[in-house]
Protein backbone atom coordinates (compact mmCIF):
# COMPACT_ATOMS: atom_id res chain seq x y z
CA MET A 1 -136.98 22.25 53.53
CA VAL A 2 -134.01 21.71 55.83
CA ALA A 3 -134.25 25.32 56.97
CA THR A 4 -137.96 24.92 57.67
CA ALA A 5 -137.40 21.80 59.74
CA ALA A 6 -134.65 23.47 61.73
CA THR A 7 -136.72 26.58 62.34
CA SER A 8 -139.72 24.60 63.46
CA ALA A 9 -137.66 23.24 66.33
CA PHE A 10 -137.66 26.71 67.90
CA LEU A 11 -140.66 28.71 66.46
CA PRO A 12 -144.15 27.47 65.50
CA ILE A 13 -144.61 27.56 61.73
CA PRO A 14 -147.99 27.09 60.02
CA SER A 15 -148.15 23.81 58.12
CA PRO A 16 -149.25 23.80 54.45
CA ALA A 17 -151.28 20.69 55.14
CA SER A 18 -155.06 20.72 55.63
CA ASP A 19 -156.89 20.66 58.98
CA ALA A 20 -157.50 16.98 58.72
CA VAL A 21 -153.91 16.29 57.97
CA GLY A 22 -152.85 18.62 60.82
CA LYS A 23 -155.03 16.78 63.30
CA THR A 24 -153.82 13.32 62.32
CA SER A 25 -150.15 14.05 61.62
CA GLY A 26 -149.21 14.41 65.30
CA ASN A 27 -145.98 16.30 66.08
CA ALA A 28 -143.38 17.72 63.72
CA VAL A 29 -139.62 17.68 64.09
CA GLY A 30 -138.52 17.92 67.69
CA GLY A 31 -141.95 17.19 69.12
CA VAL A 32 -143.40 20.62 68.18
CA PRO A 33 -146.93 20.52 66.67
CA ALA A 34 -146.96 20.94 62.90
CA SER A 35 -150.09 23.28 62.83
CA ILE A 36 -151.76 25.66 65.25
CA ASP A 37 -155.61 25.69 65.82
CA ALA A 38 -156.94 29.14 66.58
CA ARG A 39 -159.50 27.75 69.02
CA ALA A 40 -156.85 25.90 70.94
CA THR A 41 -154.82 29.05 70.92
CA ASN A 42 -157.71 31.11 72.27
CA ALA A 43 -158.30 28.61 75.04
CA LYS A 44 -154.64 28.69 75.89
CA LEU A 45 -154.59 32.47 75.88
CA LYS A 46 -157.63 32.65 78.12
CA SER A 47 -155.81 30.56 80.71
CA ILE A 48 -152.82 32.84 80.42
CA SER A 49 -154.96 35.98 80.65
CA SER A 50 -155.81 35.09 84.23
CA GLY A 51 -152.17 35.87 85.03
CA ARG A 52 -150.05 38.81 83.89
CA LEU A 53 -151.20 38.88 80.23
CA GLN A 54 -154.51 40.41 79.04
CA VAL A 55 -155.87 39.00 75.77
CA LYS A 56 -159.06 39.89 73.86
CA ALA A 57 -161.81 37.40 74.47
CA ASN A 58 -163.62 37.96 71.20
CA ALA A 59 -160.83 36.89 68.91
CA GLN A 60 -162.20 35.55 65.67
CA ALA A 61 -161.01 32.57 63.75
CA PRO A 62 -158.58 33.53 61.02
CA PRO A 63 -159.78 33.30 57.42
CA LYS A 64 -158.63 30.68 54.95
CA ILE A 65 -156.59 31.45 51.86
CA ASN A 66 -156.30 28.65 49.33
CA GLY A 67 -157.41 26.22 51.98
CA THR A 68 -154.78 27.36 54.47
CA LYS A 69 -155.56 29.14 57.72
CA VAL A 70 -153.88 32.49 58.12
CA GLY A 71 -153.65 34.03 61.59
CA SER A 72 -154.60 37.67 62.14
CA MET A 73 -152.23 40.32 63.37
CA GLU A 74 -153.90 40.17 66.77
CA SER A 75 -153.23 36.47 67.08
CA LEU A 76 -149.62 36.98 66.00
CA ARG A 77 -149.10 39.62 68.65
CA THR A 78 -150.63 37.31 71.19
CA GLU A 79 -148.41 34.45 70.02
CA ASP A 80 -145.30 36.62 70.37
CA MET A 81 -146.07 37.17 74.04
CA SER A 82 -146.43 33.45 74.81
CA PRO A 83 -143.45 31.61 76.36
CA PRO A 84 -141.23 29.68 73.91
CA PRO A 85 -141.88 25.97 73.58
CA ARG A 86 -139.74 23.64 75.77
CA THR A 87 -136.98 22.19 73.63
CA PHE A 88 -133.67 20.45 74.33
CA ILE A 89 -131.70 23.59 73.49
CA ASN A 90 -133.79 25.76 75.81
CA GLN A 91 -133.15 23.39 78.71
CA LEU A 92 -129.35 23.63 78.39
CA PRO A 93 -127.46 25.99 80.76
CA ASP A 94 -126.03 29.29 79.62
CA TRP A 95 -122.69 28.08 78.26
CA SER A 96 -121.36 31.59 77.80
CA MET A 97 -121.68 32.29 81.51
CA LEU A 98 -120.06 28.99 82.41
CA LEU A 99 -117.18 29.59 79.99
CA ALA A 100 -116.64 33.05 81.41
CA ALA A 101 -116.47 31.67 84.95
CA ILE A 102 -113.93 28.99 83.98
CA THR A 103 -111.79 31.54 82.15
CA THR A 104 -111.79 33.83 85.18
CA ILE A 105 -110.65 30.99 87.44
CA PHE A 106 -107.81 29.99 85.12
CA LEU A 107 -106.62 33.57 84.72
CA ALA A 108 -106.53 34.03 88.49
CA ALA A 109 -104.62 30.78 88.97
CA GLU A 110 -102.12 31.73 86.26
CA LYS A 111 -101.55 35.08 87.91
CA GLN A 112 -100.82 33.44 91.27
CA TRP A 113 -98.48 30.93 89.56
CA MET A 114 -96.50 33.66 87.84
CA MET A 115 -96.13 35.54 91.12
CA LEU A 116 -94.26 32.60 92.65
CA ASP A 117 -90.46 32.82 92.55
CA TRP A 118 -89.30 29.62 90.86
CA LYS A 119 -85.84 30.90 90.01
CA PRO A 120 -82.99 28.72 91.34
CA LYS A 121 -81.15 30.17 94.30
CA ARG A 122 -77.79 28.62 93.39
CA ALA A 123 -75.94 28.12 90.16
CA ASP A 124 -75.40 24.41 90.74
CA MET A 125 -79.17 23.88 90.80
CA LEU A 126 -79.18 24.60 87.08
CA VAL A 127 -77.49 21.24 86.52
CA ASP A 128 -79.89 18.40 85.86
CA PRO A 129 -79.12 15.92 88.65
CA PHE A 130 -81.45 13.26 87.27
CA GLY A 131 -79.82 12.65 83.91
CA LEU A 132 -78.53 9.23 82.97
CA GLY A 133 -75.16 10.60 81.95
CA GLN A 134 -73.35 10.98 78.66
CA ILE A 135 -70.23 9.92 76.83
CA VAL A 136 -67.57 12.66 76.60
CA GLN A 137 -63.96 13.10 75.49
CA ASP A 138 -64.16 11.24 72.19
CA GLY A 139 -66.19 8.38 73.65
CA PHE A 140 -63.69 7.29 76.31
CA VAL A 141 -65.15 8.93 79.42
CA PHE A 142 -68.61 8.54 80.88
CA ARG A 143 -70.00 11.44 82.95
CA GLN A 144 -73.00 11.51 85.26
CA ASN A 145 -74.36 13.91 87.87
CA PHE A 146 -75.79 12.99 91.26
CA SER A 147 -77.70 15.12 93.74
CA ILE A 148 -76.98 14.41 97.41
CA ARG A 149 -80.31 13.59 99.07
CA SER A 150 -81.19 14.12 102.71
CA TYR A 151 -81.30 10.39 103.40
CA GLU A 152 -77.73 9.98 102.04
CA ILE A 153 -76.01 12.12 104.67
CA GLY A 154 -74.84 11.00 108.09
CA ALA A 155 -74.30 12.45 111.54
CA ASP A 156 -71.62 14.82 110.19
CA ARG A 157 -74.14 16.33 107.73
CA THR A 158 -72.05 15.06 104.83
CA ALA A 159 -72.59 12.25 102.36
CA SER A 160 -71.77 8.83 103.78
CA VAL A 161 -68.94 6.70 102.44
CA GLU A 162 -71.48 4.11 101.23
CA THR A 163 -73.31 6.81 99.24
CA LEU A 164 -70.16 7.83 97.39
CA MET A 165 -69.21 4.21 96.74
CA ASN A 166 -72.66 3.58 95.29
CA HIS A 167 -72.15 6.51 92.93
CA LEU A 168 -68.96 4.89 91.67
CA GLN A 169 -70.70 1.58 91.07
CA GLU A 170 -73.68 3.20 89.36
CA THR A 171 -71.55 5.14 86.88
CA ALA A 172 -69.55 2.02 86.03
CA LEU A 173 -72.71 0.12 85.07
CA ASN A 174 -74.19 3.07 83.19
CA HIS A 175 -70.94 3.43 81.29
CA VAL A 176 -71.24 -0.13 79.99
CA LYS A 177 -74.90 0.44 79.21
CA ASN A 178 -74.39 3.68 77.30
CA VAL A 179 -71.74 2.19 75.00
CA GLY A 180 -74.15 -0.64 74.18
CA LEU A 181 -72.30 -3.49 75.90
CA LEU A 182 -74.67 -4.21 78.78
CA ALA A 183 -76.32 -7.59 78.32
CA ASP A 184 -78.42 -9.63 80.76
CA GLY A 185 -75.65 -9.86 83.31
CA PHE A 186 -74.68 -7.31 85.97
CA GLY A 187 -72.17 -5.32 83.97
CA SER A 188 -71.42 -8.24 81.63
CA THR A 189 -71.01 -7.81 77.89
CA PRO A 190 -72.88 -10.05 75.38
CA GLU A 191 -69.81 -12.26 74.86
CA MET A 192 -69.36 -12.56 78.61
CA CYS A 193 -72.96 -13.69 79.03
CA LYS A 194 -72.46 -16.42 76.45
CA ARG A 195 -69.62 -17.81 78.57
CA ASN A 196 -71.23 -17.20 82.01
CA LEU A 197 -68.53 -14.69 82.91
CA ILE A 198 -68.91 -11.79 85.33
CA TRP A 199 -66.64 -8.99 86.58
CA VAL A 200 -65.36 -9.11 90.18
CA VAL A 201 -63.31 -6.42 91.89
CA THR A 202 -60.01 -7.48 93.44
CA LYS A 203 -58.70 -4.16 94.73
CA MET A 204 -60.17 -0.74 95.43
CA GLN A 205 -58.30 2.43 96.41
CA VAL A 206 -60.23 5.60 97.23
CA ALA A 207 -59.02 9.05 98.34
CA PHE A 208 -61.63 11.34 99.89
CA ASP A 209 -60.49 14.96 99.58
CA ARG A 210 -63.78 16.54 100.69
CA TYR A 211 -67.26 15.22 101.40
CA PRO A 212 -70.30 16.81 99.71
CA THR A 213 -73.31 17.76 101.76
CA TRP A 214 -77.09 17.79 101.34
CA GLY A 215 -78.20 19.53 98.14
CA ASP A 216 -74.78 19.45 96.46
CA VAL A 217 -74.57 18.10 92.92
CA VAL A 218 -71.51 15.99 92.20
CA GLN A 219 -70.14 15.15 88.76
CA VAL A 220 -68.63 11.69 88.36
CA ASP A 221 -66.29 10.82 85.46
CA THR A 222 -65.18 7.24 84.87
CA TRP A 223 -63.10 5.37 82.30
CA VAL A 224 -61.37 1.99 81.86
CA ALA A 225 -57.87 0.85 81.02
CA ALA A 226 -56.01 -2.44 80.66
CA SER A 227 -54.37 -4.00 83.70
CA GLY A 228 -51.89 -6.72 82.84
CA LYS A 229 -52.95 -9.53 80.52
CA ASN A 230 -56.18 -10.57 82.16
CA GLY A 231 -57.35 -7.59 84.14
CA MET A 232 -59.07 -4.26 83.73
CA ARG A 233 -58.60 -1.02 85.65
CA ARG A 234 -61.40 1.47 86.23
CA ASP A 235 -60.85 5.01 87.52
CA TRP A 236 -63.29 7.60 88.87
CA LEU A 237 -62.96 11.33 89.37
CA VAL A 238 -65.65 13.06 91.45
CA ARG A 239 -65.98 16.85 91.31
CA ASP A 240 -68.27 19.52 92.66
CA SER A 241 -70.39 20.33 89.59
CA ASN A 242 -70.58 24.00 90.58
CA THR A 243 -66.96 24.80 91.40
CA GLY A 244 -65.09 21.94 89.71
CA GLU A 245 -63.30 21.12 92.96
CA ILE A 246 -62.08 17.52 93.18
CA LEU A 247 -63.91 15.65 95.93
CA THR A 248 -62.99 11.98 95.45
CA ARG A 249 -60.48 9.95 93.42
CA ALA A 250 -60.70 6.19 93.02
CA THR A 251 -58.90 3.38 91.22
CA SER A 252 -60.01 -0.26 91.05
CA LEU A 253 -58.80 -3.55 89.54
CA TRP A 254 -61.20 -6.13 88.06
CA VAL A 255 -60.91 -9.71 86.83
CA MET A 256 -63.34 -12.18 85.30
CA MET A 257 -64.95 -15.06 87.13
CA ASN A 258 -67.07 -17.93 85.91
CA LYS A 259 -70.55 -17.51 87.32
CA GLU A 260 -71.15 -21.26 87.69
CA THR A 261 -67.77 -22.58 88.87
CA ARG A 262 -66.86 -19.42 90.85
CA ARG A 263 -63.32 -19.60 89.50
CA LEU A 264 -61.27 -16.84 87.92
CA SER A 265 -61.02 -16.84 84.14
CA LYS A 266 -58.84 -15.33 81.46
CA ILE A 267 -60.31 -12.66 79.25
CA PRO A 268 -61.45 -14.40 76.03
CA ASP A 269 -60.39 -12.84 72.75
CA GLU A 270 -64.04 -12.18 71.85
CA VAL A 271 -64.55 -10.22 75.06
CA ARG A 272 -61.30 -8.35 74.58
CA GLY A 273 -62.52 -7.36 71.14
CA GLU A 274 -65.67 -5.88 72.70
CA ILE A 275 -64.01 -3.80 75.39
CA GLY A 276 -60.51 -3.19 74.02
CA SER A 277 -61.50 -0.16 71.93
CA TYR A 278 -62.70 1.67 75.06
CA PHE A 279 -59.43 1.37 76.98
CA VAL A 280 -57.50 4.59 77.57
CA ASP A 281 -53.78 4.93 78.07
CA SER A 282 -53.50 6.89 81.30
CA PRO A 283 -51.94 6.36 84.74
CA PRO A 284 -54.17 5.51 87.73
CA LEU A 285 -55.65 8.39 89.69
CA VAL A 286 -54.56 6.88 93.01
CA ASP A 287 -51.03 5.57 93.45
CA ASP A 288 -50.86 1.89 94.21
CA ASP A 289 -50.49 1.15 97.91
CA SER A 290 -48.58 -2.13 97.89
CA ARG A 291 -47.56 -2.11 101.54
CA LYS A 292 -47.97 -5.48 103.17
CA LEU A 293 -50.35 -5.51 106.08
CA PRO A 294 -49.35 -7.34 109.27
CA LYS A 295 -51.30 -10.39 110.29
CA LEU A 296 -54.57 -9.60 111.99
CA ASP A 297 -56.58 -12.07 114.04
CA GLU A 298 -58.55 -12.21 117.27
CA ASN A 299 -55.28 -12.11 119.26
CA THR A 300 -53.84 -8.98 117.61
CA ALA A 301 -57.05 -7.06 116.84
CA GLU A 302 -57.97 -4.21 119.18
CA HIS A 303 -61.62 -4.04 118.14
CA ILE A 304 -63.80 -6.97 117.05
CA ARG A 305 -67.39 -7.03 115.88
CA THR A 306 -68.99 -10.46 115.48
CA GLY A 307 -72.26 -11.88 114.22
CA LEU A 308 -72.48 -9.85 111.00
CA THR A 309 -74.87 -11.45 108.53
CA PRO A 310 -76.01 -10.24 105.10
CA ARG A 311 -79.63 -9.39 104.52
CA TRP A 312 -81.54 -10.16 101.34
CA SER A 313 -81.21 -6.51 100.29
CA ASP A 314 -77.40 -6.80 100.52
CA LEU A 315 -77.25 -9.24 97.58
CA ASP A 316 -76.80 -8.16 93.98
CA VAL A 317 -78.17 -9.87 90.87
CA ASN A 318 -75.24 -12.29 90.88
CA GLN A 319 -76.43 -13.60 94.28
CA HIS A 320 -73.40 -12.45 96.26
CA VAL A 321 -72.98 -9.53 98.64
CA ASN A 322 -72.47 -6.17 96.98
CA ASN A 323 -68.90 -4.94 97.47
CA VAL A 324 -70.16 -1.62 98.87
CA LYS A 325 -71.64 -3.52 101.81
CA TYR A 326 -68.14 -4.67 102.80
CA VAL A 327 -67.17 -1.05 103.48
CA GLY A 328 -69.96 -0.67 106.00
CA TRP A 329 -69.02 -3.92 107.73
CA ILE A 330 -65.37 -2.87 108.00
CA LEU A 331 -66.35 0.40 109.67
CA GLU A 332 -68.52 -1.50 112.15
CA SER A 333 -65.40 -2.31 114.17
CA ALA A 334 -63.77 1.12 113.92
CA PRO A 335 -63.42 2.72 117.36
CA LEU A 336 -66.14 5.20 118.26
CA GLU A 337 -63.69 7.92 119.31
CA ILE A 338 -62.20 7.93 115.83
CA LEU A 339 -65.62 8.13 114.18
CA GLU A 340 -66.49 11.12 116.38
CA THR A 341 -63.30 13.12 115.90
CA HIS A 342 -61.99 11.99 112.50
CA GLU A 343 -63.25 11.44 108.99
CA LEU A 344 -62.15 8.83 106.48
CA ALA A 345 -59.49 10.31 104.20
CA GLY A 346 -58.61 7.21 102.19
CA MET A 347 -58.82 3.45 102.08
CA THR A 348 -57.31 0.47 100.31
CA LEU A 349 -59.35 -2.72 100.13
CA GLU A 350 -58.22 -6.13 98.86
CA TYR A 351 -61.04 -8.53 98.07
CA ARG A 352 -60.14 -12.18 98.69
CA ARG A 353 -63.40 -14.08 98.23
CA GLU A 354 -67.10 -13.45 97.86
CA CYS A 355 -69.64 -13.53 100.63
CA MET A 356 -72.87 -15.48 100.23
CA ARG A 357 -76.23 -14.79 101.84
CA ASP A 358 -75.86 -17.51 104.53
CA SER A 359 -72.42 -16.33 105.69
CA VAL A 360 -71.66 -15.11 109.22
CA LEU A 361 -68.78 -12.65 109.45
CA GLN A 362 -66.42 -10.95 111.88
CA SER A 363 -64.96 -7.45 111.54
CA LEU A 364 -61.53 -6.87 113.10
CA THR A 365 -59.69 -3.55 113.43
CA SER A 366 -56.30 -2.57 114.82
CA ILE A 367 -54.35 0.69 114.77
CA VAL A 368 -51.25 0.82 112.57
CA ASP A 369 -49.94 4.39 112.83
CA LYS A 370 -51.08 7.08 115.25
CA GLY A 371 -49.35 9.76 113.21
CA SER A 372 -48.72 13.02 115.03
CA GLY A 373 -51.09 12.41 117.89
CA ASP A 374 -53.56 10.10 119.57
CA THR A 375 -57.29 10.19 120.17
CA SER A 376 -56.95 13.04 122.73
CA HIS A 377 -54.69 15.07 120.38
CA PRO A 378 -55.89 13.82 117.03
CA GLY A 379 -53.80 13.81 113.89
CA ILE A 380 -53.52 11.49 110.93
CA VAL A 381 -54.32 7.95 112.04
CA GLU A 382 -54.12 4.67 110.11
CA TYR A 383 -55.95 1.46 110.86
CA GLN A 384 -55.86 -2.02 109.37
CA HIS A 385 -58.98 -4.12 108.93
CA LEU A 386 -60.00 -7.68 108.28
CA LEU A 387 -63.43 -8.97 107.34
CA ARG A 388 -63.58 -12.74 107.60
CA LEU A 389 -65.95 -15.65 107.97
CA GLU A 390 -66.45 -17.07 111.43
CA GLY A 391 -64.77 -20.21 110.12
CA GLY A 392 -61.61 -18.20 109.37
CA GLY A 393 -61.82 -17.53 105.61
CA GLU A 394 -60.71 -14.01 104.65
CA ILE A 395 -63.23 -11.87 102.75
CA VAL A 396 -61.60 -8.41 102.64
CA LYS A 397 -58.34 -7.01 103.98
CA GLY A 398 -57.86 -3.28 104.13
CA ARG A 399 -56.16 -0.17 105.40
CA THR A 400 -57.88 3.13 106.22
CA LYS A 401 -56.44 6.61 106.82
CA TRP A 402 -58.28 9.15 108.98
CA ARG A 403 -57.88 12.91 109.36
CA PRO A 404 -59.33 15.30 111.94
CA LYS A 405 -62.81 16.52 111.03
CA PHE A 406 -62.24 20.15 111.97
CA VAL A 407 -58.78 20.73 110.55
CA ASP A 408 -60.04 23.59 108.37
CA LYS A 409 -61.55 25.35 111.37
CA ILE A 410 -58.59 25.10 113.73
CA GLY A 411 -55.91 25.52 111.07
CA SER A 412 -53.74 22.67 112.33
CA PHE A 413 -53.81 19.15 113.64
CA GLY A 414 -53.94 20.44 117.21
CA GLN A 415 -56.51 19.69 119.83
CA ILE A 416 -60.13 20.17 118.87
CA PRO A 417 -62.30 22.27 121.18
CA HIS A 418 -64.69 20.19 123.22
CA GLU A 419 -67.67 22.15 121.86
CA SER A 420 -66.75 21.20 118.28
CA ALA A 421 -66.03 17.58 119.14
């Protein structure tokens, strides 16, 4: 019965019911009539015969067998030539043709895709620059890669000092996060958060051996060590991920400060228990520069930049100015002739107090040592810097060392050609 119902949806099938039943039963499954009347068929065929088909006009009514009408062979032949009834299936498009067209399009697109050369042009591009880093060397060193973007380079077509300093800060925070000690604070451990303690940097020493350029991938390693009874030292080693060449070395000293009182604090035993197992026993990467800087004020400074104010974007989550911003402010007062002919080879910064968002600062710079030449015959040059509030409070004191930009091209610290400068 199921087969009969399904077949009747596509081909007319004589119904076993009587004529009376056939006339009153209406339509069968799918809207197709359940029985076929020979007279209705003849009338239909006559209308069709006026077109392309020729049908006999004297067709006789089929005889009855056991009360059921049986069509003659002539009527069956005529029925075979009639168009199929309109059903839902017949109104659907030819899916085979549509599938073939879609397949052809996809095959053509795949062929074009495979013809493209997606192979990396350089070996260092094989390094994933977007990873979040990993713990190496028995869990004591954190390593992370960074790709130098186009917006991170300056006029010299090399990465800016601020970019490299941000890499150092980012790896320090990710180190704490990867070992599972990062709580709600900015680099604070769970025990530090309970006591409203945060880390603040007191001294930073950085040596820039070579600056990466756009497209380079740098590998940054960082680790921590104890510094006295209530301090921590953090070191960074930056390499070219392709060649292994050392680009930057940095050493920093950190202490704890109460977030509410803004006063320095000793390291609690609970906090020491959290971080003590990650300390390594190794010397600092940069030798300590303990030379005392001469006094620098508006009377002794050779270059002064005033009216420096922090923007909202310069604040970190602890609501004070990010320490990387201080580097940019210090360089604001560096003489232009040095920026054009020299590059920063190293710096030592001593942080005295924090800067808030409503502070107004001054940047003061004075030369300390001209080295083997001056600005017309450049050599190694040292400057001292002071970043202070307009009221006189010291924010950062520092010393910077500069080397000629084109020393590799000229082979000495002699005069640079005017075209290169």
